[in-house]
């Protein structure tokens, strides 16, 4: 029995790797969220040109998080990263009501991509620490998230700057993809 316990322990202690895409419009806070999750400084973050990749450890999982730049000129290149993805994390600046329509259109395009079909969707309604931020439910209404029927989805209010709501969102995602 000792041999089998040891053998089982070897296989069960191995970390599973999950690939998550962090997408959203520029200035939504994707890089700030990832920096907060790996305890990197949150000041002096510049816009992502291309992509960043960070590995976040969560319980027995290694989350390979691909942070893709959200500028309009970069968005057509997102599709180059869709393969072998386990989940989508879409980050929204909840304090930027003027860009909600654009945000909704970009999310809709993503949800129509064949390579992303059926993947769980976590929406981080970021910047909840700002007084002008919309509540998560308002963001969900504005983005028409309640019409999504082809995949599990969850909206999580968060503040990357205060590291609030991030763990809860990631825990939901890990439960969906494990």
N, C-alpha and C. Protein backbone atom coordinates (compact mmCIF):
# COMPACT_ATOMS: atom_id res chain seq x y z
N UNK A 1 0.83 -1.20 0.00
CA UNK A 1 0.00 0.00 0.00
C UNK A 1 0.87 1.25 0.00
N UNK A 2 2.02 1.23 0.66
CA UNK A 2 2.90 2.38 0.71
C UNK A 2 3.38 2.80 -0.66
N UNK A 3 3.69 1.81 -1.52
CA UNK A 3 4.15 2.13 -2.88
C UNK A 3 3.08 2.87 -3.66
N UNK A 4 1.84 2.39 -3.58
CA UNK A 4 0.76 3.02 -4.32
C UNK A 4 0.44 4.41 -3.79
N UNK A 5 0.55 4.58 -2.48
CA UNK A 5 0.33 5.91 -1.89
C UNK A 5 1.37 6.90 -2.40
N UNK A 6 2.62 6.43 -2.45
CA UNK A 6 3.71 7.28 -2.95
C UNK A 6 3.49 7.61 -4.42
N UNK A 7 3.14 6.58 -5.20
CA UNK A 7 2.90 6.78 -6.63
C UNK A 7 1.74 7.75 -6.85
N UNK A 8 0.66 7.57 -6.12
CA UNK A 8 -0.49 8.47 -6.25
C UNK A 8 -0.09 9.89 -5.86
N UNK A 9 0.69 10.03 -4.80
CA UNK A 9 1.15 11.34 -4.35
C UNK A 9 1.99 12.04 -5.40
N UNK A 10 2.80 11.27 -6.12
CA UNK A 10 3.64 11.87 -7.17
C UNK A 10 2.78 12.47 -8.27
N UNK A 11 1.74 11.76 -8.65
CA UNK A 11 0.90 12.25 -9.74
C UNK A 11 -0.06 13.33 -9.28
N UNK A 12 -0.59 13.21 -8.08
CA UNK A 12 -1.57 14.20 -7.63
C UNK A 12 -0.93 15.51 -7.21
N UNK A 13 0.36 15.50 -6.88
CA UNK A 13 0.99 16.75 -6.45
C UNK A 13 1.48 17.58 -7.64
N UNK A 14 1.46 17.00 -8.82
CA UNK A 14 1.89 17.73 -10.01
C UNK A 14 0.90 18.86 -10.29
N UNK A 15 1.43 20.03 -10.55
CA UNK A 15 0.57 21.18 -10.81
C UNK A 15 -0.01 21.09 -12.22
N UNK A 16 -1.28 21.34 -12.31
CA UNK A 16 -1.92 21.40 -13.61
C UNK A 16 -1.78 22.82 -14.15
N UNK A 17 -1.51 22.93 -15.42
CA UNK A 17 -1.37 24.26 -16.04
C UNK A 17 -2.64 24.59 -16.81
N UNK A 18 -3.13 25.79 -16.61
CA UNK A 18 -4.31 26.28 -17.32
C UNK A 18 -3.91 27.54 -18.06
N UNK A 19 -4.46 27.72 -19.26
CA UNK A 19 -4.16 28.90 -20.07
C UNK A 19 -5.38 29.82 -20.08
N UNK A 20 -5.19 31.04 -19.60
CA UNK A 20 -6.27 32.03 -19.56
C UNK A 20 -5.87 33.23 -20.40
N UNK A 21 -6.81 33.73 -21.18
CA UNK A 21 -6.60 34.95 -21.95
C UNK A 21 -7.23 36.11 -21.21
N UNK A 22 -6.46 37.16 -20.97
CA UNK A 22 -6.96 38.39 -20.36
C UNK A 22 -7.14 39.40 -21.48
N UNK A 23 -8.38 39.71 -21.76
CA UNK A 23 -8.72 40.59 -22.87
C UNK A 23 -9.59 41.74 -22.37
N UNK A 24 -9.69 42.77 -23.18
CA UNK A 24 -10.51 43.92 -22.86
C UNK A 24 -9.93 45.15 -23.53
N UNK A 25 -10.66 46.23 -23.48
CA UNK A 25 -10.19 47.47 -24.09
C UNK A 25 -8.96 47.99 -23.36
N UNK A 26 -8.23 48.86 -24.04
CA UNK A 26 -7.07 49.50 -23.41
C UNK A 26 -7.53 50.27 -22.17
N UNK A 27 -6.67 50.32 -21.18
CA UNK A 27 -6.90 51.05 -19.94
C UNK A 27 -7.98 50.43 -19.04
N UNK A 28 -8.33 49.17 -19.28
CA UNK A 28 -9.32 48.52 -18.42
C UNK A 28 -8.70 48.02 -17.13
N UNK A 29 -7.38 47.73 -17.16
CA UNK A 29 -6.70 47.28 -15.95
C UNK A 29 -6.23 45.84 -16.00
N UNK A 30 -6.09 45.26 -17.18
CA UNK A 30 -5.65 43.86 -17.31
C UNK A 30 -4.28 43.63 -16.69
N UNK A 31 -3.33 44.46 -17.05
CA UNK A 31 -1.97 44.32 -16.54
C UNK A 31 -1.93 44.59 -15.04
N UNK A 32 -2.68 45.56 -14.58
CA UNK A 32 -2.72 45.88 -13.15
C UNK A 32 -3.27 44.70 -12.36
N UNK A 33 -4.31 44.06 -12.89
CA UNK A 33 -4.88 42.88 -12.22
C UNK A 33 -3.82 41.79 -12.10
N UNK A 34 -3.14 41.50 -13.20
CA UNK A 34 -2.13 40.45 -13.15
C UNK A 34 -0.98 40.81 -12.21
N UNK A 35 -0.54 42.05 -12.24
CA UNK A 35 0.52 42.47 -11.33
C UNK A 35 0.08 42.31 -9.87
N UNK A 36 -1.17 42.66 -9.58
CA UNK A 36 -1.69 42.50 -8.22
C UNK A 36 -1.72 41.03 -7.82
N UNK A 37 -2.05 40.16 -8.76
CA UNK A 37 -2.15 38.73 -8.46
C UNK A 37 -0.79 38.08 -8.19
N UNK A 38 0.27 38.67 -8.73
CA UNK A 38 1.61 38.11 -8.51
C UNK A 38 2.47 39.02 -7.62
N UNK A 39 1.81 39.95 -6.94
CA UNK A 39 2.48 40.85 -5.99
C UNK A 39 3.59 41.69 -6.61
N UNK A 40 3.36 42.20 -7.80
CA UNK A 40 4.28 43.15 -8.43
C UNK A 40 3.77 44.57 -8.18
N UNK A 41 4.63 45.57 -8.30
CA UNK A 41 4.20 46.96 -8.08
C UNK A 41 3.07 47.35 -9.05
N UNK A 42 2.17 48.18 -8.54
CA UNK A 42 1.02 48.61 -9.33
C UNK A 42 1.18 50.03 -9.85
N UNK A 43 2.24 50.70 -9.45
CA UNK A 43 2.45 52.05 -9.95
C UNK A 43 3.30 51.99 -11.23
N UNK A 44 3.14 52.96 -12.06
CA UNK A 44 3.95 53.09 -13.27
C UNK A 44 3.73 51.95 -14.27
N UNK A 45 2.48 51.53 -14.46
CA UNK A 45 2.16 50.52 -15.46
C UNK A 45 1.83 51.24 -16.75
N UNK A 46 2.49 50.82 -17.82
CA UNK A 46 2.27 51.47 -19.11
C UNK A 46 1.40 50.56 -19.98
N UNK A 47 0.76 51.11 -21.01
CA UNK A 47 -0.10 50.30 -21.89
C UNK A 47 0.67 49.13 -22.50
N UNK A 48 0.00 47.99 -22.57
CA UNK A 48 0.61 46.79 -23.13
C UNK A 48 0.67 46.91 -24.65
N UNK A 49 1.86 46.79 -25.17
CA UNK A 49 2.07 46.77 -26.62
C UNK A 49 2.34 45.31 -26.98
N UNK A 50 1.37 44.65 -27.55
CA UNK A 50 1.53 43.22 -27.84
C UNK A 50 0.92 42.41 -26.72
N UNK A 51 1.77 41.74 -25.94
CA UNK A 51 1.26 40.89 -24.86
C UNK A 51 2.25 40.80 -23.71
N UNK A 52 1.73 40.40 -22.57
CA UNK A 52 2.52 40.02 -21.39
C UNK A 52 2.04 38.63 -21.02
N UNK A 53 2.91 37.84 -20.43
CA UNK A 53 2.50 36.54 -19.91
C UNK A 53 3.02 36.41 -18.50
N UNK A 54 2.11 36.10 -17.59
CA UNK A 54 2.49 35.90 -16.20
C UNK A 54 1.90 34.57 -15.74
N UNK A 55 2.65 33.87 -14.90
CA UNK A 55 2.16 32.63 -14.32
C UNK A 55 1.72 32.92 -12.89
N UNK A 56 0.46 32.63 -12.63
CA UNK A 56 -0.13 32.85 -11.31
C UNK A 56 -0.36 31.49 -10.68
N UNK A 57 0.11 31.32 -9.47
CA UNK A 57 -0.11 30.06 -8.76
C UNK A 57 -1.40 30.18 -7.96
N UNK A 58 -2.26 29.21 -8.15
CA UNK A 58 -3.53 29.17 -7.41
C UNK A 58 -3.78 27.73 -7.00
N UNK A 59 -3.64 27.45 -5.72
CA UNK A 59 -3.78 26.10 -5.18
C UNK A 59 -2.85 25.16 -5.95
N UNK A 60 -3.39 24.11 -6.55
CA UNK A 60 -2.51 23.16 -7.26
C UNK A 60 -2.38 23.50 -8.75
N UNK A 61 -2.80 24.69 -9.11
CA UNK A 61 -2.79 25.07 -10.52
C UNK A 61 -1.79 26.17 -10.81
N UNK A 62 -1.22 26.10 -11.98
CA UNK A 62 -0.42 27.20 -12.52
C UNK A 62 -1.25 27.80 -13.64
N UNK A 63 -1.61 29.04 -13.48
CA UNK A 63 -2.43 29.74 -14.46
C UNK A 63 -1.50 30.56 -15.35
N UNK A 64 -1.39 30.15 -16.59
CA UNK A 64 -0.60 30.91 -17.56
C UNK A 64 -1.52 31.97 -18.14
N UNK A 65 -1.34 33.19 -17.70
CA UNK A 65 -2.23 34.29 -18.03
C UNK A 65 -1.62 35.15 -19.13
N UNK A 66 -2.28 35.19 -20.26
CA UNK A 66 -1.84 35.98 -21.41
C UNK A 66 -2.62 37.28 -21.41
N UNK A 67 -1.93 38.36 -21.17
CA UNK A 67 -2.48 39.72 -21.11
C UNK A 67 -2.23 40.35 -22.48
N UNK A 68 -3.29 40.51 -23.26
CA UNK A 68 -3.15 41.04 -24.61
C UNK A 68 -3.54 42.51 -24.65
N UNK A 69 -2.74 43.32 -25.32
CA UNK A 69 -3.01 44.75 -25.44
C UNK A 69 -4.40 45.00 -25.99
N UNK A 70 -5.05 46.04 -25.48
CA UNK A 70 -6.43 46.31 -25.86
C UNK A 70 -6.64 47.48 -26.80
N UNK A 71 -5.56 48.06 -27.32
CA UNK A 71 -5.71 49.17 -28.25
C UNK A 71 -6.40 48.66 -29.53
N UNK A 72 -7.18 49.52 -30.14
CA UNK A 72 -7.95 49.14 -31.33
C UNK A 72 -7.07 48.51 -32.41
N UNK A 73 -5.86 49.04 -32.62
CA UNK A 73 -4.97 48.53 -33.66
C UNK A 73 -4.43 47.13 -33.34
N UNK A 74 -4.42 46.76 -32.07
CA UNK A 74 -3.89 45.46 -31.65
C UNK A 74 -4.96 44.38 -31.63
N UNK A 75 -6.21 44.73 -31.42
CA UNK A 75 -7.29 43.74 -31.25
C UNK A 75 -7.38 42.71 -32.37
N UNK A 76 -7.15 43.07 -33.65
CA UNK A 76 -7.21 42.02 -34.68
C UNK A 76 -6.19 40.89 -34.47
N UNK A 77 -5.14 41.14 -33.72
CA UNK A 77 -4.12 40.13 -33.48
C UNK A 77 -4.46 39.19 -32.33
N UNK A 78 -5.53 39.51 -31.58
CA UNK A 78 -5.93 38.64 -30.48
C UNK A 78 -6.12 37.21 -30.95
N UNK A 79 -6.68 37.03 -32.14
CA UNK A 79 -7.01 35.69 -32.62
C UNK A 79 -5.79 34.77 -32.70
N UNK A 80 -4.59 35.33 -32.78
CA UNK A 80 -3.37 34.52 -32.82
C UNK A 80 -3.12 33.79 -31.51
N UNK A 81 -3.83 34.16 -30.45
CA UNK A 81 -3.62 33.57 -29.12
C UNK A 81 -4.77 32.67 -28.68
N UNK A 82 -5.76 32.46 -29.51
CA UNK A 82 -6.96 31.74 -29.11
C UNK A 82 -6.76 30.24 -28.91
N UNK A 83 -5.82 29.64 -29.62
CA UNK A 83 -5.62 28.19 -29.54
C UNK A 83 -5.23 27.72 -28.15
N UNK A 84 -5.69 26.55 -27.78
CA UNK A 84 -5.35 25.88 -26.53
C UNK A 84 -5.65 26.73 -25.29
N UNK A 85 -6.69 27.52 -25.37
CA UNK A 85 -7.11 28.37 -24.26
C UNK A 85 -8.15 27.64 -23.42
N UNK A 86 -8.05 27.78 -22.10
CA UNK A 86 -8.99 27.13 -21.19
C UNK A 86 -10.08 28.06 -20.69
N UNK A 87 -9.84 29.36 -20.73
CA UNK A 87 -10.85 30.30 -20.24
C UNK A 87 -10.53 31.72 -20.66
N UNK A 88 -11.59 32.54 -20.70
CA UNK A 88 -11.48 33.94 -21.10
C UNK A 88 -11.75 34.82 -19.88
N UNK A 89 -10.85 35.75 -19.64
CA UNK A 89 -11.04 36.76 -18.60
C UNK A 89 -11.16 38.10 -19.34
N UNK A 90 -12.33 38.68 -19.32
CA UNK A 90 -12.58 39.94 -20.00
C UNK A 90 -12.66 41.03 -18.95
N UNK A 91 -11.78 42.01 -19.06
CA UNK A 91 -11.68 43.07 -18.05
C UNK A 91 -12.35 44.33 -18.58
N UNK A 92 -13.20 44.91 -17.75
CA UNK A 92 -13.95 46.11 -18.10
C UNK A 92 -13.64 47.21 -17.10
N UNK A 93 -13.42 48.41 -17.60
CA UNK A 93 -13.29 49.58 -16.74
C UNK A 93 -14.71 50.01 -16.38
N UNK A 94 -15.16 49.65 -15.20
CA UNK A 94 -16.53 49.93 -14.77
C UNK A 94 -16.79 51.42 -14.56
N UNK A 95 -15.74 52.22 -14.55
CA UNK A 95 -15.90 53.67 -14.37
C UNK A 95 -15.95 54.40 -15.71
N UNK A 96 -15.83 53.69 -16.81
CA UNK A 96 -15.81 54.30 -18.14
C UNK A 96 -17.09 53.96 -18.90
N UNK A 97 -18.18 54.59 -18.47
CA UNK A 97 -19.49 54.31 -19.06
C UNK A 97 -19.53 54.66 -20.55
N UNK A 98 -18.75 55.64 -20.96
CA UNK A 98 -18.74 56.08 -22.36
C UNK A 98 -18.25 54.99 -23.31
N UNK A 99 -17.47 54.03 -22.81
CA UNK A 99 -16.92 52.98 -23.68
C UNK A 99 -17.62 51.64 -23.52
N UNK A 100 -18.72 51.60 -22.79
CA UNK A 100 -19.43 50.33 -22.56
C UNK A 100 -19.93 49.72 -23.87
N UNK A 101 -20.42 50.53 -24.78
CA UNK A 101 -20.92 49.99 -26.04
C UNK A 101 -19.78 49.35 -26.84
N UNK A 102 -18.65 50.04 -26.93
CA UNK A 102 -17.49 49.49 -27.63
C UNK A 102 -17.03 48.20 -26.96
N UNK A 103 -17.04 48.20 -25.65
CA UNK A 103 -16.65 47.03 -24.89
C UNK A 103 -17.57 45.84 -25.20
N UNK A 104 -18.86 46.11 -25.25
CA UNK A 104 -19.84 45.08 -25.57
C UNK A 104 -19.65 44.51 -26.96
N UNK A 105 -19.34 45.37 -27.92
CA UNK A 105 -19.12 44.90 -29.29
C UNK A 105 -17.88 44.00 -29.36
N UNK A 106 -16.82 44.37 -28.67
CA UNK A 106 -15.60 43.54 -28.67
C UNK A 106 -15.85 42.20 -28.00
N UNK A 107 -16.59 42.21 -26.90
CA UNK A 107 -16.90 40.96 -26.23
C UNK A 107 -17.74 40.06 -27.14
N UNK A 108 -18.71 40.65 -27.81
CA UNK A 108 -19.56 39.87 -28.72
C UNK A 108 -18.74 39.21 -29.82
N UNK A 109 -17.78 39.94 -30.38
CA UNK A 109 -16.90 39.35 -31.41
C UNK A 109 -16.14 38.15 -30.85
N UNK A 110 -15.64 38.29 -29.63
CA UNK A 110 -14.90 37.19 -29.01
C UNK A 110 -15.78 35.96 -28.83
N UNK A 111 -17.00 36.17 -28.37
CA UNK A 111 -17.89 35.05 -28.10
C UNK A 111 -18.31 34.32 -29.37
N UNK A 112 -18.15 34.96 -30.51
CA UNK A 112 -18.48 34.33 -31.80
C UNK A 112 -17.30 33.55 -32.39
N UNK A 113 -16.12 33.66 -31.79
CA UNK A 113 -14.93 32.97 -32.30
C UNK A 113 -15.04 31.47 -32.05
N UNK A 114 -14.84 30.69 -33.11
CA UNK A 114 -14.96 29.23 -33.02
C UNK A 114 -13.97 28.64 -32.02
N UNK A 115 -12.73 29.12 -32.02
CA UNK A 115 -11.71 28.57 -31.12
C UNK A 115 -12.01 28.85 -29.65
N UNK A 116 -12.89 29.80 -29.38
CA UNK A 116 -13.24 30.14 -27.99
C UNK A 116 -14.62 29.61 -27.61
N UNK A 117 -15.22 28.84 -28.50
CA UNK A 117 -16.57 28.34 -28.32
C UNK A 117 -16.72 27.55 -27.02
N UNK A 118 -17.69 27.93 -26.23
CA UNK A 118 -18.02 27.22 -25.00
C UNK A 118 -17.09 27.45 -23.83
N UNK A 119 -16.01 28.20 -24.02
CA UNK A 119 -15.07 28.43 -22.92
C UNK A 119 -15.71 29.30 -21.84
N UNK A 120 -15.41 29.03 -20.58
CA UNK A 120 -15.95 29.87 -19.51
C UNK A 120 -15.46 31.31 -19.64
N UNK A 121 -16.34 32.22 -19.28
CA UNK A 121 -16.06 33.65 -19.37
C UNK A 121 -16.17 34.28 -17.99
N UNK A 122 -15.06 34.85 -17.55
CA UNK A 122 -15.05 35.64 -16.32
C UNK A 122 -14.94 37.10 -16.73
N UNK A 123 -15.87 37.91 -16.27
CA UNK A 123 -15.82 39.34 -16.54
C UNK A 123 -15.44 40.04 -15.24
N UNK A 124 -14.29 40.70 -15.25
CA UNK A 124 -13.89 41.51 -14.12
C UNK A 124 -14.39 42.93 -14.36
N UNK A 125 -15.33 43.39 -13.54
CA UNK A 125 -15.78 44.78 -13.56
C UNK A 125 -14.82 45.53 -12.66
N UNK A 126 -13.76 46.07 -13.25
CA UNK A 126 -12.64 46.64 -12.53
C UNK A 126 -12.88 48.11 -12.16
N UNK A 127 -12.03 48.59 -11.31
CA UNK A 127 -11.99 49.99 -10.85
C UNK A 127 -13.18 50.36 -9.97
N UNK A 128 -13.64 49.38 -9.19
CA UNK A 128 -14.75 49.61 -8.27
C UNK A 128 -14.37 50.57 -7.16
N UNK A 129 -13.09 50.88 -7.02
CA UNK A 129 -12.66 51.83 -6.00
C UNK A 129 -12.92 53.28 -6.42
N UNK A 130 -13.29 53.49 -7.70
CA UNK A 130 -13.57 54.84 -8.18
C UNK A 130 -15.03 55.19 -7.94
N UNK A 131 -15.31 56.42 -7.54
CA UNK A 131 -16.69 56.81 -7.23
C UNK A 131 -17.63 56.73 -8.43
N UNK A 132 -17.11 56.86 -9.63
CA UNK A 132 -17.97 56.84 -10.82
C UNK A 132 -18.21 55.43 -11.37
N UNK A 133 -17.68 54.40 -10.69
CA UNK A 133 -17.82 53.03 -11.19
C UNK A 133 -19.28 52.56 -11.12
N UNK A 134 -19.68 51.89 -12.17
CA UNK A 134 -21.00 51.26 -12.21
C UNK A 134 -20.94 49.98 -11.37
N UNK A 135 -22.05 49.59 -10.78
CA UNK A 135 -22.11 48.34 -10.04
C UNK A 135 -21.99 47.17 -11.03
N UNK A 136 -21.56 46.01 -10.55
CA UNK A 136 -21.38 44.85 -11.42
C UNK A 136 -22.67 44.49 -12.15
N UNK A 137 -23.79 44.57 -11.47
CA UNK A 137 -25.08 44.27 -12.11
C UNK A 137 -25.41 45.23 -13.24
N UNK A 138 -25.07 46.51 -13.05
CA UNK A 138 -25.28 47.50 -14.11
C UNK A 138 -24.40 47.21 -15.31
N UNK A 139 -23.15 46.82 -15.05
CA UNK A 139 -22.24 46.46 -16.14
C UNK A 139 -22.80 45.25 -16.89
N UNK A 140 -23.27 44.25 -16.15
CA UNK A 140 -23.83 43.05 -16.77
C UNK A 140 -25.03 43.41 -17.66
N UNK A 141 -25.89 44.30 -17.18
CA UNK A 141 -27.03 44.75 -17.98
C UNK A 141 -26.57 45.48 -19.23
N UNK A 142 -25.65 46.40 -19.05
CA UNK A 142 -25.13 47.21 -20.16
C UNK A 142 -24.48 46.33 -21.23
N UNK A 143 -23.78 45.31 -20.80
CA UNK A 143 -23.06 44.41 -21.71
C UNK A 143 -23.94 43.27 -22.19
N UNK A 144 -25.18 43.20 -21.69
CA UNK A 144 -26.13 42.14 -22.05
C UNK A 144 -25.58 40.75 -21.76
N UNK A 145 -24.88 40.63 -20.64
CA UNK A 145 -24.29 39.35 -20.28
C UNK A 145 -25.36 38.28 -20.04
N UNK A 146 -26.54 38.70 -19.61
CA UNK A 146 -27.59 37.75 -19.28
C UNK A 146 -28.12 37.01 -20.51
N UNK A 147 -27.73 37.45 -21.70
CA UNK A 147 -28.15 36.76 -22.92
C UNK A 147 -27.19 35.64 -23.31
N UNK A 148 -26.07 35.52 -22.62
CA UNK A 148 -25.08 34.48 -22.95
C UNK A 148 -25.61 33.13 -22.48
N UNK A 149 -25.76 32.21 -23.41
CA UNK A 149 -26.32 30.90 -23.11
C UNK A 149 -25.40 29.74 -23.50
N UNK A 150 -24.31 30.04 -24.21
CA UNK A 150 -23.48 28.96 -24.76
C UNK A 150 -22.25 28.63 -23.91
N UNK A 151 -22.15 29.18 -22.73
CA UNK A 151 -20.98 28.96 -21.88
C UNK A 151 -21.29 29.44 -20.47
N UNK A 152 -20.57 28.91 -19.48
CA UNK A 152 -20.71 29.48 -18.14
C UNK A 152 -20.04 30.86 -18.11
N UNK A 153 -20.65 31.78 -17.39
CA UNK A 153 -20.06 33.11 -17.25
C UNK A 153 -20.32 33.63 -15.85
N UNK A 154 -19.47 34.56 -15.46
CA UNK A 154 -19.59 35.16 -14.13
C UNK A 154 -19.03 36.58 -14.21
N UNK A 155 -19.69 37.51 -13.56
CA UNK A 155 -19.15 38.86 -13.45
C UNK A 155 -18.70 39.06 -12.01
N UNK A 156 -17.49 39.60 -11.86
CA UNK A 156 -16.91 39.82 -10.54
C UNK A 156 -16.49 41.27 -10.39
N UNK A 157 -17.10 41.96 -9.45
CA UNK A 157 -16.67 43.33 -9.14
C UNK A 157 -15.28 43.24 -8.53
N UNK A 158 -14.40 44.15 -8.94
CA UNK A 158 -13.04 44.10 -8.40
C UNK A 158 -12.39 45.48 -8.44
N UNK A 159 -11.31 45.57 -7.71
CA UNK A 159 -10.43 46.73 -7.76
C UNK A 159 -9.01 46.18 -7.79
N UNK A 160 -8.37 46.30 -8.93
CA UNK A 160 -6.99 45.82 -9.04
C UNK A 160 -6.08 46.59 -8.09
N UNK A 161 -6.30 47.90 -7.98
CA UNK A 161 -5.45 48.73 -7.14
C UNK A 161 -5.54 48.35 -5.66
N UNK A 162 -6.69 47.86 -5.24
CA UNK A 162 -6.86 47.46 -3.83
C UNK A 162 -6.82 45.94 -3.66
N UNK A 163 -6.57 45.23 -4.78
CA UNK A 163 -6.50 43.77 -4.77
C UNK A 163 -7.76 43.17 -4.14
N UNK A 164 -8.91 43.67 -4.56
CA UNK A 164 -10.20 43.19 -4.05
C UNK A 164 -10.98 42.52 -5.18
N UNK A 165 -11.55 41.37 -4.87
CA UNK A 165 -12.39 40.66 -5.82
C UNK A 165 -11.62 39.78 -6.81
N UNK A 166 -10.31 39.91 -6.85
CA UNK A 166 -9.52 39.16 -7.83
C UNK A 166 -9.50 37.67 -7.51
N UNK A 167 -9.24 37.35 -6.27
CA UNK A 167 -9.17 35.94 -5.87
C UNK A 167 -10.51 35.23 -6.10
N UNK A 168 -11.59 35.91 -5.77
CA UNK A 168 -12.92 35.31 -5.95
C UNK A 168 -13.18 34.99 -7.42
N UNK A 169 -12.82 35.91 -8.28
CA UNK A 169 -13.00 35.68 -9.72
C UNK A 169 -12.18 34.52 -10.23
N UNK A 170 -10.93 34.47 -9.84
CA UNK A 170 -10.04 33.39 -10.28
C UNK A 170 -10.51 32.05 -9.72
N UNK A 171 -10.98 32.04 -8.49
CA UNK A 171 -11.51 30.78 -7.92
C UNK A 171 -12.69 30.28 -8.74
N UNK A 172 -13.57 31.20 -9.16
CA UNK A 172 -14.70 30.78 -10.01
C UNK A 172 -14.16 30.17 -11.31
N UNK A 173 -13.20 30.83 -11.94
CA UNK A 173 -12.67 30.34 -13.21
C UNK A 173 -12.04 28.96 -13.06
N UNK A 174 -11.24 28.78 -12.04
CA UNK A 174 -10.57 27.49 -11.84
C UNK A 174 -11.60 26.37 -11.66
N UNK A 175 -12.69 26.64 -10.94
CA UNK A 175 -13.74 25.63 -10.78
C UNK A 175 -14.37 25.25 -12.12
N UNK A 176 -14.42 26.19 -13.04
CA UNK A 176 -15.04 25.93 -14.34
C UNK A 176 -14.15 25.09 -15.25
N UNK A 177 -12.84 25.29 -15.16
CA UNK A 177 -11.95 24.65 -16.13
C UNK A 177 -11.21 23.43 -15.61
N UNK A 178 -11.29 23.14 -14.32
CA UNK A 178 -10.51 22.00 -13.82
C UNK A 178 -11.13 20.66 -14.14
